[in-house]
Amino acid sequence: MAPGLAATALVPSLGLARQAVSKDRLIIRSARPEDLETPVHLLTSWITPNELFYVRSHFYTPSIAESAWRLRVDGDVGSPMELTLDEVRRLRSTTTVVTLECAGNGRAFFDPPVAGVQWEKGAVGTAAWTGVRLADVLRTAGVRASARYVWLDGADEGLGRAPDFIRSVPMDKAMHPDTLLAYRMNGETLLVPHGFPLRAIVPGWEGAYSVKWLTHIQVSTRDHDGPFVQAGYRYPRRPVPPGTLVSPADTVPLRALPVKSLITSPADNSMVPRSAVRISGFAWAGDEEVRRVDVSTDNGRTWMTAQLGRDRARYAWRPFEYLWRPSDAGSYVVLSRAVDSRGLVQPIVPEWNPAGYVWNAIDQVRLNVAS
């Protein structure tokens, strides 16, 4: 074990059964690389079961032997080191509940269409992540004062000349006590599709920062110059007309998630009784707190405040619920919009961008009220 890191017992299991990813219940957006979306109607619990959690992969899923795996920490540090998985598991641990959302969640709804995995609404989920603070590892390695970024690299590799998938995290976010190197998810060992044996969890930021199958942490004085940093996961500096090509020089890194809500029950196009209808879902806002969720049952003419659930954590979505008593039979569009702690409101129309990132339009479902 590297010196200077205290060892403690692991956080007890949350009591959830360890299961494989339920490919038969998830939507296959891509078989190889594996991109699996959670159907919205299965997002019914504050903590998303491991087997129903969405899967995002840039390249083919690597095969990693636990006994051979090592985490290398080097670069602009005084004491480069390697850790085995057993050594990582013996480090002082912590657990944080975090909602992860793929930056491209909702890409399928942009008009004109954009290239990339055509996610609809279900590339999002919430889990309790257990691991070691990245800051503890970096301090042990002796981060130099000149360090500005931490590069995260996993074991997955692109085919042919495809560039390595490396993400670059600014030093202040890397050293934040809530940024983790996680080896457990909802009390169970990480499943391979979710990053076994170790993944980063960068809370409040889009999901690509939470690199899976982590093998190398490199501390640097500069931002990484690879395409997944300099060209990918970037957003236009200013609003652009739909269909516009945007130079990387006119973009900024995409980091925090925008305010957003999602109706998960009843399902879209459901037949519901004319008696009371429970409308429920989740709302999240990255680093910010969800202050309010409003629901409309009359196409946005009027809005009512939904009740927020008791389950909460700084980086996790908030459950919301509204009890609707339809006045008559018919077909209705039900809307939800969230408001965050800055007062930002979920928009009617999100800003178009050429990568199809951070779709966060007011959510809607159609409900058919029986006679």
Protein backbone atom coordinates (compact mmCIF):
# COMPACT_ATOMS: atom_id res chain seq x y z
CA MET A 1 0.00 0.00 0.00
CA ALA A 2 1.16 3.52 -0.74
CA PRO A 3 2.16 5.33 2.47
CA GLY A 4 -0.03 7.95 4.03
CA LEU A 5 -3.49 6.51 3.27
CA ALA A 6 -5.48 5.22 6.22
CA ALA A 7 -7.20 1.85 5.88
CA THR A 8 -10.69 1.25 7.23
CA ALA A 9 -13.44 -1.32 6.84
CA LEU A 10 -15.53 -1.22 3.69
CA VAL A 11 -18.92 0.47 3.80
CA PRO A 12 -21.54 -2.23 4.49
CA SER A 13 -23.63 -3.54 1.61
CA LEU A 14 -26.86 -1.70 0.90
CA GLY A 15 -28.55 -5.09 0.66
CA LEU A 16 -29.17 -5.04 -3.10
CA ALA A 17 -28.74 -8.31 -4.96
CA ARG A 18 -25.81 -8.40 -7.38
CA GLN A 19 -27.14 -9.06 -10.85
CA ALA A 20 -25.94 -8.74 -14.41
CA VAL A 21 -27.15 -5.89 -16.59
CA SER A 22 -30.66 -6.75 -17.84
CA LYS A 23 -30.06 -6.44 -21.56
CA ASP A 24 -33.48 -7.88 -22.27
CA ARG A 25 -35.10 -4.97 -20.36
CA LEU A 26 -32.86 -2.16 -21.60
CA ILE A 27 -33.01 -0.49 -25.01
CA ILE A 28 -30.03 -1.43 -27.17
CA ARG A 29 -28.81 1.74 -28.86
CA SER A 30 -25.58 0.03 -29.91
CA ALA A 31 -24.52 -3.59 -29.39
CA ARG A 32 -20.79 -2.94 -29.90
CA PRO A 33 -19.70 -0.67 -28.36
CA GLU A 34 -22.34 -1.35 -25.75
CA ASP A 35 -24.80 1.51 -25.31
CA LEU A 36 -27.94 0.57 -23.38
CA GLU A 37 -30.75 2.92 -22.40
CA THR A 38 -33.14 2.48 -19.48
CA PRO A 39 -36.82 2.61 -20.49
CA VAL A 40 -38.30 5.56 -18.62
CA HIS A 41 -41.09 3.50 -17.06
CA LEU A 42 -38.44 1.42 -15.21
CA LEU A 43 -37.02 4.50 -13.46
CA THR A 44 -39.32 4.19 -10.46
CA SER A 45 -36.93 4.23 -7.48
CA TRP A 46 -34.62 6.94 -6.12
CA ILE A 47 -31.70 4.49 -6.38
CA THR A 48 -31.55 2.87 -9.82
CA PRO A 49 -30.91 -0.90 -9.57
CA ASN A 50 -27.51 -1.87 -10.98
CA GLU A 51 -29.02 -4.18 -13.58
CA LEU A 52 -31.26 -1.36 -14.92
CA PHE A 53 -28.66 1.41 -14.93
CA TYR A 54 -27.90 2.76 -18.40
CA VAL A 55 -24.60 1.77 -20.05
CA ARG A 56 -22.41 4.10 -22.12
CA SER A 57 -19.28 2.83 -23.87
CA HIS A 58 -17.07 4.65 -26.37
CA PHE A 59 -15.15 1.51 -27.38
CA TYR A 60 -15.49 -2.23 -26.85
CA THR A 61 -15.76 -3.33 -23.21
CA PRO A 62 -12.31 -4.44 -21.99
CA SER A 63 -11.64 -7.75 -20.28
CA ILE A 64 -9.72 -7.13 -17.05
CA ALA A 65 -8.20 -9.72 -14.74
CA GLU A 66 -8.50 -8.46 -11.18
CA SER A 67 -5.16 -9.98 -10.17
CA ALA A 68 -3.30 -8.20 -12.97
CA TRP A 69 -5.00 -4.81 -12.71
CA ARG A 70 -3.01 -1.83 -11.48
CA LEU A 71 -3.81 1.84 -11.04
CA ARG A 72 -0.86 3.99 -12.07
CA VAL A 73 -0.60 7.54 -10.70
CA ASP A 74 2.14 9.71 -12.18
CA GLY A 75 2.89 12.94 -14.02
CA ASP A 76 3.37 16.20 -12.13
CA VAL A 77 3.70 14.50 -8.74
CA GLY A 78 6.55 13.97 -6.32
CA SER A 79 5.95 10.25 -5.68
CA PRO A 80 4.56 8.27 -8.64
CA MET A 81 2.89 5.05 -7.50
CA GLU A 82 0.90 1.99 -8.48
CA LEU A 83 -1.95 0.47 -6.49
CA THR A 84 -3.42 -3.01 -6.72
CA LEU A 85 -7.16 -3.47 -6.40
CA ASP A 86 -6.74 -4.95 -2.93
CA GLU A 87 -4.77 -1.87 -1.88
CA VAL A 88 -7.47 0.43 -3.24
CA ARG A 89 -10.14 -1.53 -1.36
CA ARG A 90 -8.20 -1.12 1.90
CA LEU A 91 -8.08 2.65 1.65
CA ARG A 92 -10.33 4.93 3.71
CA SER A 93 -13.69 4.71 1.95
CA THR A 94 -16.71 6.93 1.52
CA THR A 95 -20.09 6.65 -0.19
CA THR A 96 -21.85 9.36 -2.19
CA VAL A 97 -25.20 9.20 -3.97
CA VAL A 98 -24.81 10.69 -7.45
CA THR A 99 -27.02 10.98 -10.52
CA LEU A 100 -25.08 10.27 -13.72
CA GLU A 101 -26.43 11.43 -17.06
CA CYS A 102 -24.88 10.98 -20.47
CA ALA A 103 -24.23 14.35 -22.11
CA GLY A 104 -26.12 13.10 -25.17
CA ASN A 105 -29.26 12.06 -23.31
CA GLY A 106 -32.14 13.38 -25.43
CA ARG A 107 -30.04 13.70 -28.60
CA ALA A 108 -32.76 11.99 -30.64
CA PHE A 109 -35.07 14.97 -30.14
CA PHE A 110 -32.88 17.66 -31.75
CA ASP A 111 -34.03 19.11 -35.07
CA PRO A 112 -32.23 19.07 -37.42
CA PRO A 113 -30.86 15.69 -36.31
CA VAL A 114 -27.27 15.35 -35.10
CA ALA A 115 -24.87 12.42 -35.28
CA GLY A 116 -24.17 10.18 -32.32
CA VAL A 117 -25.98 7.62 -30.20
CA GLN A 118 -29.68 8.43 -30.53
CA TRP A 119 -30.55 8.47 -26.84
CA GLU A 120 -34.08 9.46 -25.92
CA LYS A 121 -34.77 10.03 -22.20
CA GLY A 122 -33.26 7.09 -20.32
CA ALA A 123 -29.46 7.63 -20.38
CA VAL A 124 -29.63 8.68 -16.73
CA GLY A 125 -29.62 6.93 -13.36
CA THR A 126 -28.74 7.37 -9.70
CA ALA A 127 -26.54 5.13 -7.57
CA ALA A 128 -24.70 5.09 -4.25
CA TRP A 129 -21.01 4.97 -5.22
CA THR A 130 -18.41 3.71 -2.74
CA GLY A 131 -14.70 4.24 -3.11
CA VAL A 132 -11.76 6.41 -2.15
CA ARG A 133 -11.52 10.15 -2.57
CA LEU A 134 -9.42 11.04 -5.60
CA ALA A 135 -7.94 13.87 -3.53
CA ASP A 136 -6.53 11.39 -1.00
CA VAL A 137 -4.71 9.47 -3.73
CA LEU A 138 -3.39 12.65 -5.33
CA ARG A 139 -2.12 14.02 -2.02
CA THR A 140 -0.30 10.77 -1.33
CA ALA A 141 1.34 10.97 -4.75
CA GLY A 142 2.45 14.51 -3.89
CA VAL A 143 0.75 16.81 -6.39
CA ARG A 144 3.07 19.67 -7.27
CA ALA A 145 1.98 23.31 -7.07
CA SER A 146 2.31 23.59 -10.86
CA ALA A 147 -0.40 20.95 -11.48
CA ARG A 148 -3.58 22.20 -13.16
CA TYR A 149 -5.37 19.11 -14.55
CA VAL A 150 -5.82 15.42 -13.88
CA TRP A 151 -6.07 13.11 -16.91
CA LEU A 152 -8.23 10.01 -16.49
CA ASP A 153 -7.61 7.01 -18.76
CA GLY A 154 -9.38 3.64 -18.78
CA ALA A 155 -8.51 0.21 -20.15
CA ASP A 156 -10.84 0.46 -23.17
CA GLU A 157 -9.10 0.97 -26.52
CA GLY A 158 -10.30 2.17 -29.90
CA LEU A 159 -9.88 0.08 -33.02
CA GLY A 160 -7.28 0.99 -35.62
CA ARG A 161 -6.25 4.61 -35.37
CA ALA A 162 -9.03 5.63 -33.01
CA PRO A 163 -7.67 7.92 -30.28
CA ASP A 164 -7.56 6.87 -26.66
CA PHE A 165 -10.55 7.98 -24.55
CA ILE A 166 -9.02 10.34 -22.00
CA ARG A 167 -10.86 12.99 -19.99
CA SER A 168 -9.23 15.96 -18.31
CA VAL A 169 -10.51 17.22 -14.95
CA PRO A 170 -9.47 20.63 -13.60
CA MET A 171 -7.50 20.37 -10.38
CA ASP A 172 -10.11 22.05 -8.16
CA LYS A 173 -12.75 19.49 -9.21
CA ALA A 174 -10.29 16.59 -8.90
CA MET A 175 -9.40 17.67 -5.37
CA HIS A 176 -13.02 18.16 -4.30
CA PRO A 177 -13.85 15.72 -1.46
CA ASP A 178 -16.88 14.37 -3.34
CA THR A 179 -14.91 13.28 -6.43
CA LEU A 180 -14.34 9.54 -6.09
CA LEU A 181 -12.55 6.51 -7.43
CA ALA A 182 -15.39 4.02 -7.01
CA TYR A 183 -15.24 0.25 -6.78
CA ARG A 184 -18.75 -0.43 -5.48
CA MET A 185 -22.16 0.57 -6.83
CA ASN A 186 -25.22 0.32 -4.59
CA GLY A 187 -23.26 -1.81 -2.15
CA GLU A 188 -22.09 -4.34 -4.75
CA THR A 189 -18.88 -4.79 -6.70
CA LEU A 190 -19.02 -2.82 -9.94
CA LEU A 191 -20.40 -4.79 -12.85
CA VAL A 192 -18.06 -4.88 -15.86
CA PRO A 193 -20.34 -2.66 -18.02
CA HIS A 194 -20.28 -0.05 -15.25
CA GLY A 195 -16.49 0.10 -15.00
CA PHE A 196 -15.11 -2.85 -13.00
CA PRO A 197 -12.74 -2.77 -11.25
CA LEU A 198 -12.55 1.02 -10.73
CA ARG A 199 -14.19 4.08 -12.19
CA ALA A 200 -14.12 7.79 -11.52
CA ILE A 201 -17.23 9.53 -10.21
CA VAL A 202 -17.16 13.26 -10.94
CA PRO A 203 -20.42 14.40 -9.35
CA GLY A 204 -22.62 17.09 -10.85
CA TRP A 205 -20.86 16.97 -14.23
CA GLU A 206 -21.86 15.18 -17.42
CA GLY A 207 -21.24 11.45 -17.33
CA ALA A 208 -18.21 11.18 -19.63
CA TYR A 209 -15.99 12.62 -16.89
CA SER A 210 -16.74 9.54 -14.78
CA VAL A 211 -14.27 7.38 -16.71
CA LYS A 212 -14.77 3.60 -16.46
CA TRP A 213 -12.19 0.77 -16.20
CA LEU A 214 -9.72 3.30 -14.81
CA THR A 215 -6.03 2.31 -15.06
CA HIS A 216 -4.05 5.55 -15.28
CA ILE A 217 -4.24 8.90 -13.52
CA GLN A 218 -1.80 11.46 -14.86
CA VAL A 219 -1.37 14.85 -13.23
CA SER A 220 -0.44 17.62 -15.66
CA THR A 221 0.35 21.30 -15.89
CA ARG A 222 -1.92 21.59 -18.95
CA ASP A 223 -5.21 20.42 -20.37
CA HIS A 224 -5.12 17.21 -22.41
CA ASP A 225 -4.72 17.78 -26.16
CA GLY A 226 -6.70 14.72 -27.31
CA PRO A 227 -9.93 14.94 -29.35
CA PHE A 228 -12.20 13.92 -26.48
CA VAL A 229 -11.10 17.10 -24.68
CA GLN A 230 -10.30 19.58 -27.44
CA ALA A 231 -13.12 18.67 -29.86
CA GLY A 232 -15.58 16.42 -28.04
CA TYR A 233 -17.81 17.19 -25.08
CA ARG A 234 -17.80 20.90 -25.86
CA TYR A 235 -20.64 23.39 -26.25
CA PRO A 236 -20.95 26.56 -28.38
CA ARG A 237 -19.93 29.76 -26.59
CA ARG A 238 -23.16 31.42 -27.73
CA PRO A 239 -26.49 30.23 -29.18
CA VAL A 240 -26.26 29.20 -32.83
CA PRO A 241 -28.90 28.64 -35.55
CA PRO A 242 -29.91 24.95 -35.84
CA GLY A 243 -27.72 23.13 -38.34
CA THR A 244 -24.71 25.43 -37.87
CA LEU A 245 -21.18 24.04 -37.97
CA VAL A 246 -19.21 25.28 -34.97
CA SER A 247 -15.41 25.36 -34.76
CA PRO A 248 -13.91 23.85 -31.59
CA ALA A 249 -12.30 27.24 -30.99
CA ASP A 250 -15.81 28.68 -30.59
CA THR A 251 -16.78 26.15 -27.92
CA VAL A 252 -16.20 25.64 -24.21
CA PRO A 253 -15.94 22.38 -22.25
CA LEU A 254 -19.28 20.92 -21.26
CA ARG A 255 -19.26 20.27 -17.53
CA ALA A 256 -22.24 20.87 -15.24
CA LEU A 257 -25.64 19.39 -16.02
CA PRO A 258 -28.58 21.75 -16.64
CA VAL A 259 -31.82 21.74 -14.66
CA LYS A 260 -34.15 19.01 -15.89
CA SER A 261 -37.20 16.94 -14.96
CA LEU A 262 -38.55 13.64 -16.21
CA ILE A 263 -42.03 12.15 -15.81
CA THR A 264 -41.64 8.41 -15.29
CA SER A 265 -45.18 7.43 -14.28
CA PRO A 266 -47.72 7.03 -15.79
CA ALA A 267 -45.98 6.01 -19.01
CA ASP A 268 -46.50 8.00 -22.17
CA ASN A 269 -49.79 7.16 -23.96
CA SER A 270 -51.13 5.33 -20.92
CA MET A 271 -54.83 4.84 -20.29
CA VAL A 272 -55.59 6.15 -16.81
CA PRO A 273 -58.79 6.14 -14.73
CA ARG A 274 -60.87 9.27 -14.24
CA SER A 275 -60.22 9.03 -10.52
CA ALA A 276 -57.02 10.47 -8.98
CA VAL A 277 -53.90 9.99 -11.14
CA ARG A 278 -50.47 9.99 -9.47
CA ILE A 279 -47.97 11.79 -11.72
CA SER A 280 -44.40 11.19 -10.59
CA GLY A 281 -40.82 11.43 -11.73
CA PHE A 282 -37.44 12.94 -10.93
CA ALA A 283 -35.70 16.29 -11.30
CA TRP A 284 -31.99 17.12 -11.15
CA ALA A 285 -29.65 20.07 -11.74
CA GLY A 286 -26.04 18.85 -11.57
CA ASP A 287 -24.17 20.81 -8.89
CA GLU A 288 -27.26 22.83 -8.03
CA GLU A 289 -30.27 22.02 -5.86
CA VAL A 290 -33.73 21.43 -7.28
CA ARG A 291 -35.95 24.00 -5.61
CA ARG A 292 -39.30 23.27 -7.27
CA VAL A 293 -41.07 21.14 -9.86
CA ASP A 294 -44.23 22.38 -11.56
CA VAL A 295 -46.77 20.21 -13.37
CA SER A 296 -49.33 21.27 -15.99
CA THR A 297 -52.26 19.14 -17.13
CA ASP A 298 -53.70 21.66 -19.59
CA ASN A 299 -50.93 22.07 -22.19
CA GLY A 300 -49.04 24.63 -20.12
CA ARG A 301 -51.89 27.10 -19.60
CA THR A 302 -51.62 26.75 -15.83
CA TRP A 303 -49.01 25.20 -13.55
CA MET A 304 -49.28 23.55 -10.13
CA THR A 305 -46.43 22.89 -7.71
CA ALA A 306 -45.58 19.23 -7.26
CA GLN A 307 -44.51 17.74 -3.94
CA LEU A 308 -40.81 16.91 -3.67
CA GLY A 309 -39.92 13.56 -2.10
CA ARG A 310 -37.88 13.14 1.06
CA ASP A 311 -35.03 11.27 -0.66
CA ARG A 312 -32.28 13.75 -1.40
CA ALA A 313 -28.52 14.13 -1.72
CA ARG A 314 -26.43 16.98 -3.05
CA TYR A 315 -25.75 15.42 -6.47
CA ALA A 316 -28.84 13.23 -6.78
CA TRP A 317 -32.18 13.74 -8.46
CA ARG A 318 -35.22 14.61 -6.36
CA PRO A 319 -38.42 12.59 -6.66
CA PHE A 320 -41.57 14.60 -7.30
CA GLU A 321 -45.26 13.74 -7.25
CA TYR A 322 -48.50 15.47 -8.20
CA LEU A 323 -51.99 14.07 -7.65
CA TRP A 324 -54.21 14.96 -10.60
CA ARG A 325 -57.98 14.61 -10.58
CA PRO A 326 -59.13 14.86 -14.23
CA SER A 327 -62.37 16.79 -14.66
CA ASP A 328 -63.41 14.82 -17.74
CA ALA A 329 -62.47 11.94 -20.00
CA GLY A 330 -60.21 12.65 -22.96
CA SER A 331 -56.58 12.82 -24.09
CA TYR A 332 -54.31 15.20 -22.18
CA VAL A 333 -50.69 16.32 -22.45
CA VAL A 334 -49.06 16.48 -18.99
CA LEU A 335 -45.93 18.65 -18.61
CA SER A 336 -43.22 18.99 -15.96
CA ARG A 337 -40.62 21.70 -15.47
CA ALA A 338 -37.97 22.04 -12.77
CA VAL A 339 -36.43 25.14 -11.16
CA ASP A 340 -32.97 25.07 -9.59
CA SER A 341 -31.39 26.99 -6.72
CA ARG A 342 -30.18 29.72 -9.08
CA GLY A 343 -33.74 30.32 -10.29
CA LEU A 344 -33.03 28.76 -13.69
CA VAL A 345 -36.13 27.15 -15.20
CA GLN A 346 -36.26 24.17 -17.51
CA PRO A 347 -36.79 25.66 -20.99
CA ILE A 348 -39.58 25.11 -23.48
CA VAL A 349 -36.98 24.67 -26.25
CA PRO A 350 -33.34 23.85 -25.42
CA GLU A 351 -30.50 25.42 -27.38
CA TRP A 352 -29.55 23.41 -30.47
CA ASN A 353 -25.90 22.37 -30.62
CA PRO A 354 -24.03 20.28 -33.23
CA ALA A 355 -23.19 17.45 -30.81
CA GLY A 356 -26.72 17.08 -29.47
CA TYR A 357 -25.79 17.63 -25.83
CA VAL A 358 -27.85 18.41 -22.71
CA TRP A 359 -31.38 18.24 -24.08
CA ASN A 360 -33.48 19.56 -21.21
CA ALA A 361 -36.80 20.69 -22.68
CA ILE A 362 -39.89 20.68 -20.47
CA ASP A 363 -40.90 17.03 -20.30
CA GLN A 364 -44.25 15.77 -21.50
CA VAL A 365 -46.37 12.64 -21.65
CA ARG A 366 -49.80 12.06 -23.16
CA LEU A 367 -52.36 10.47 -20.84
CA ASN A 368 -55.70 9.14 -21.99
CA VAL A 369 -58.41 9.43 -19.35
CA ALA A 370 -61.06 6.71 -19.51
CA SER A 371 -64.74 7.57 -19.61
